[in-house]
N, C-alpha and C. Protein backbone atom coordinates (compact mmCIF):
# COMPACT_ATOMS: atom_id res chain seq x y z
N UNK A 1 1.17 15.92 -9.50
CA UNK A 1 -0.47 16.69 -9.03
C UNK A 1 -0.62 16.95 -7.78
N UNK A 2 -0.51 15.72 -6.40
CA UNK A 2 -0.41 16.20 -5.37
C UNK A 2 0.24 16.98 -4.74
N UNK A 3 1.30 17.32 -5.41
CA UNK A 3 2.24 18.29 -4.69
C UNK A 3 1.89 19.52 -4.92
N UNK A 4 0.97 19.95 -6.04
CA UNK A 4 0.34 21.52 -6.24
C UNK A 4 -0.67 21.35 -5.48
N UNK A 5 -1.53 20.35 -4.88
CA UNK A 5 -2.89 20.63 -3.78
C UNK A 5 -2.28 20.56 -2.59
N UNK A 6 -0.74 19.73 -2.53
CA UNK A 6 -0.30 20.04 -1.22
C UNK A 6 -0.10 21.53 -0.87
N UNK A 7 0.89 22.48 -1.81
CA UNK A 7 1.19 23.85 -1.88
C UNK A 7 -0.24 24.79 -1.68
N UNK A 8 -1.27 24.38 -2.59
CA UNK A 8 -2.13 25.49 -2.47
C UNK A 8 -3.26 25.39 -1.18
N UNK A 9 -3.36 24.24 -0.56
CA UNK A 9 -4.11 24.02 0.77
C UNK A 9 -3.29 23.67 1.94
N UNK A 10 -1.85 23.74 2.02
CA UNK A 10 -1.14 23.63 2.99
C UNK A 10 -1.08 22.30 3.63
N UNK A 11 -1.52 21.27 2.76
CA UNK A 11 -1.99 20.27 3.51
C UNK A 11 -0.62 19.21 3.52
N UNK A 12 -0.51 18.32 4.24
CA UNK A 12 0.62 17.25 4.24
C UNK A 12 0.29 15.84 3.53
N UNK A 13 1.22 16.11 2.28
CA UNK A 13 1.15 15.09 1.50
C UNK A 13 2.56 14.24 1.58
N UNK A 14 2.36 13.08 1.72
CA UNK A 14 3.52 11.90 1.89
C UNK A 14 3.36 11.23 0.96
N UNK A 15 4.44 10.68 0.17
CA UNK A 15 4.36 9.94 -1.13
C UNK A 15 5.44 10.30 -2.13
N UNK A 16 5.57 9.61 -3.33
CA UNK A 16 4.44 8.20 -3.43
C UNK A 16 5.01 7.33 -2.56
N UNK A 17 4.49 6.36 -1.99
CA UNK A 17 4.75 5.27 -0.99
C UNK A 17 4.85 3.82 -1.74
N UNK A 18 5.61 3.43 -2.31
CA UNK A 18 5.68 2.20 -3.07
C UNK A 18 5.70 1.12 -2.12
N UNK A 19 4.66 -0.20 -2.69
CA UNK A 19 4.51 -1.19 -1.82
C UNK A 19 4.73 -2.68 -2.90
N UNK A 20 4.92 -3.81 -2.30
CA UNK A 20 4.91 -4.86 -2.85
C UNK A 20 6.35 -5.23 -3.30
N UNK A 21 7.45 -4.54 -2.78
CA UNK A 21 8.74 -4.65 -2.99
C UNK A 21 9.18 -5.55 -1.91
N UNK A 22 10.26 -6.24 -1.96
CA UNK A 22 10.91 -7.16 -0.89
C UNK A 22 11.52 -6.19 0.24
N UNK A 23 11.67 -5.23 -0.13
CA UNK A 23 12.58 -4.12 1.04
C UNK A 23 11.88 -3.04 1.31
N UNK A 24 12.02 -1.78 1.90
CA UNK A 24 11.24 -0.77 1.98
C UNK A 24 11.96 0.58 0.91
N UNK A 25 10.95 0.75 -0.07
CA UNK A 25 11.52 1.74 -1.14
C UNK A 25 10.57 3.07 -1.05
N UNK A 26 11.17 4.17 -1.21
CA UNK A 26 10.25 5.37 -1.25
C UNK A 26 11.12 6.25 -2.24
N UNK A 27 10.31 7.18 -2.49
CA UNK A 27 10.60 8.33 -3.73
C UNK A 27 10.29 9.75 -2.93
N UNK A 28 11.53 10.54 -3.42
CA UNK A 28 11.41 11.66 -3.19
C UNK A 28 11.46 12.66 -4.25
N UNK A 29 10.74 13.74 -4.57
CA UNK A 29 10.98 14.13 -5.46
C UNK A 29 11.89 15.57 -5.38
N UNK A 30 12.78 16.13 -6.43
CA UNK A 30 13.54 17.53 -6.42
C UNK A 30 13.40 18.42 -5.64
N UNK A 31 11.95 18.46 -5.68
CA UNK A 31 11.57 20.20 -4.94
C UNK A 31 10.99 19.43 -3.70
N UNK A 32 11.51 18.59 -2.62
CA UNK A 32 10.84 18.26 -1.60
C UNK A 32 11.38 19.15 -0.49
N UNK A 33 10.72 19.44 0.52
CA UNK A 33 11.06 20.19 1.53
C UNK A 33 11.76 19.48 2.86
N UNK A 34 12.47 19.76 3.49
CA UNK A 34 12.88 19.10 4.84
C UNK A 34 11.31 18.19 5.60
N UNK A 35 10.57 19.01 5.63
CA UNK A 35 9.11 18.24 6.12
C UNK A 35 9.23 16.82 5.40
N UNK A 36 8.94 16.91 3.89
CA UNK A 36 8.78 15.78 3.11
C UNK A 36 9.74 14.87 3.35
N UNK A 37 11.23 14.92 3.51
CA UNK A 37 11.94 13.79 3.85
C UNK A 37 12.05 13.29 5.09
N UNK A 38 11.71 14.16 5.99
CA UNK A 38 11.42 13.88 7.69
C UNK A 38 10.17 12.56 7.43
N UNK A 39 9.16 13.24 6.96
CA UNK A 39 8.06 12.05 6.85
C UNK A 39 8.10 11.03 5.98
N UNK A 40 9.09 10.96 5.08
CA UNK A 40 9.27 9.89 3.68
C UNK A 40 10.05 9.07 4.67
N UNK A 41 11.25 9.23 5.25
CA UNK A 41 12.04 8.55 6.38
C UNK A 41 11.31 7.76 7.20
N UNK A 42 10.43 8.55 8.10
CA UNK A 42 9.41 7.76 8.77
C UNK A 42 8.34 6.84 8.11
N UNK A 43 8.02 7.06 7.28
CA UNK A 43 7.20 6.06 6.62
C UNK A 43 7.88 4.67 6.31
N UNK A 44 9.24 5.29 5.75
CA UNK A 44 10.15 4.02 5.60
C UNK A 44 10.70 2.88 6.82
N UNK A 45 10.94 3.96 7.54
CA UNK A 45 11.48 3.12 8.78
C UNK A 45 9.94 2.41 9.44
N UNK A 46 8.77 2.79 9.33
CA UNK A 46 7.81 1.92 9.77
C UNK A 46 7.70 0.75 8.85
N UNK A 47 7.82 0.88 7.30
CA UNK A 47 7.86 -0.32 6.97
C UNK A 47 8.84 -1.40 6.92
N UNK A 48 10.37 -0.78 7.23
CA UNK A 48 11.23 -1.68 7.57
C UNK A 48 10.70 -2.41 8.74
N UNK A 49 10.56 -1.95 9.81
CA UNK A 49 10.18 -2.42 10.88
C UNK A 49 9.08 -3.92 10.86
N UNK A 50 8.20 -3.23 10.01
CA UNK A 50 6.75 -4.27 9.97
C UNK A 50 7.84 -5.54 8.85
N UNK A 51 8.42 -5.37 8.09
CA UNK A 51 9.11 -6.54 7.22
C UNK A 51 9.69 -7.17 8.24
N UNK A 52 10.32 -6.76 9.17
CA UNK A 52 11.25 -7.42 10.18
C UNK A 52 10.51 -8.27 11.14
N UNK A 53 9.84 -7.46 11.34
CA UNK A 53 8.53 -8.32 12.25
C UNK A 53 7.98 -9.29 11.79
N UNK A 54 7.46 -9.36 10.74
CA UNK A 54 6.62 -10.45 9.86
C UNK A 54 7.99 -11.44 9.41
N UNK A 55 8.97 -10.99 9.29
CA UNK A 55 10.17 -12.21 9.23
C UNK A 55 10.25 -12.97 10.44
N UNK A 56 10.32 -12.34 11.71
CA UNK A 56 10.60 -12.81 12.82
C UNK A 56 9.53 -13.83 13.37
N UNK A 57 7.99 -13.39 12.99
CA UNK A 57 7.01 -14.04 13.38
C UNK A 57 6.93 -15.34 12.11
N UNK A 58 7.63 -15.15 11.20
CA UNK A 58 7.37 -16.34 10.28
C UNK A 58 8.57 -17.15 10.69
N UNK A 59 9.56 -16.88 11.28
CA UNK A 59 10.68 -17.58 12.01
C UNK A 59 10.22 -18.30 13.09
N UNK A 60 9.54 -17.77 14.23
CA UNK A 60 9.49 -18.21 15.03
C UNK A 60 8.21 -19.01 14.81
N UNK A 61 7.31 -19.14 13.98
CA UNK A 61 6.34 -20.28 13.53
C UNK A 61 6.73 -21.21 12.77
N UNK A 62 8.11 -21.36 12.21
CA UNK A 62 8.58 -22.73 11.63
C UNK A 62 9.09 -23.14 12.75
N UNK A 63 10.13 -22.46 13.54
CA UNK A 63 10.65 -23.08 14.60
C UNK A 63 9.58 -24.08 15.78
N UNK A 64 8.63 -23.66 15.63
CA UNK A 64 7.32 -24.18 16.53
C UNK A 64 7.03 -25.27 16.01
N UNK A 65 6.90 -25.34 14.69
CA UNK A 65 6.36 -26.20 14.08
C UNK A 65 7.33 -27.61 13.69
N UNK A 66 8.71 -27.15 13.86
CA UNK A 66 9.91 -27.93 13.90
C UNK A 66 10.08 -29.01 15.00
């Protein structure tokens, strides 16, 4: 449905963005454009960096507590 709105309004739609998994995972539809791929890869990269930063801060906090 969001793709129909995107095409009819010339809006930028990114998604679906999956959350709650142990790693960054997102989905691309068969009819995606190059811009859709770039936007999804960008979002996935940001998710990966956020996970790594969270892991690093958790490890740093554990090292301080020890």
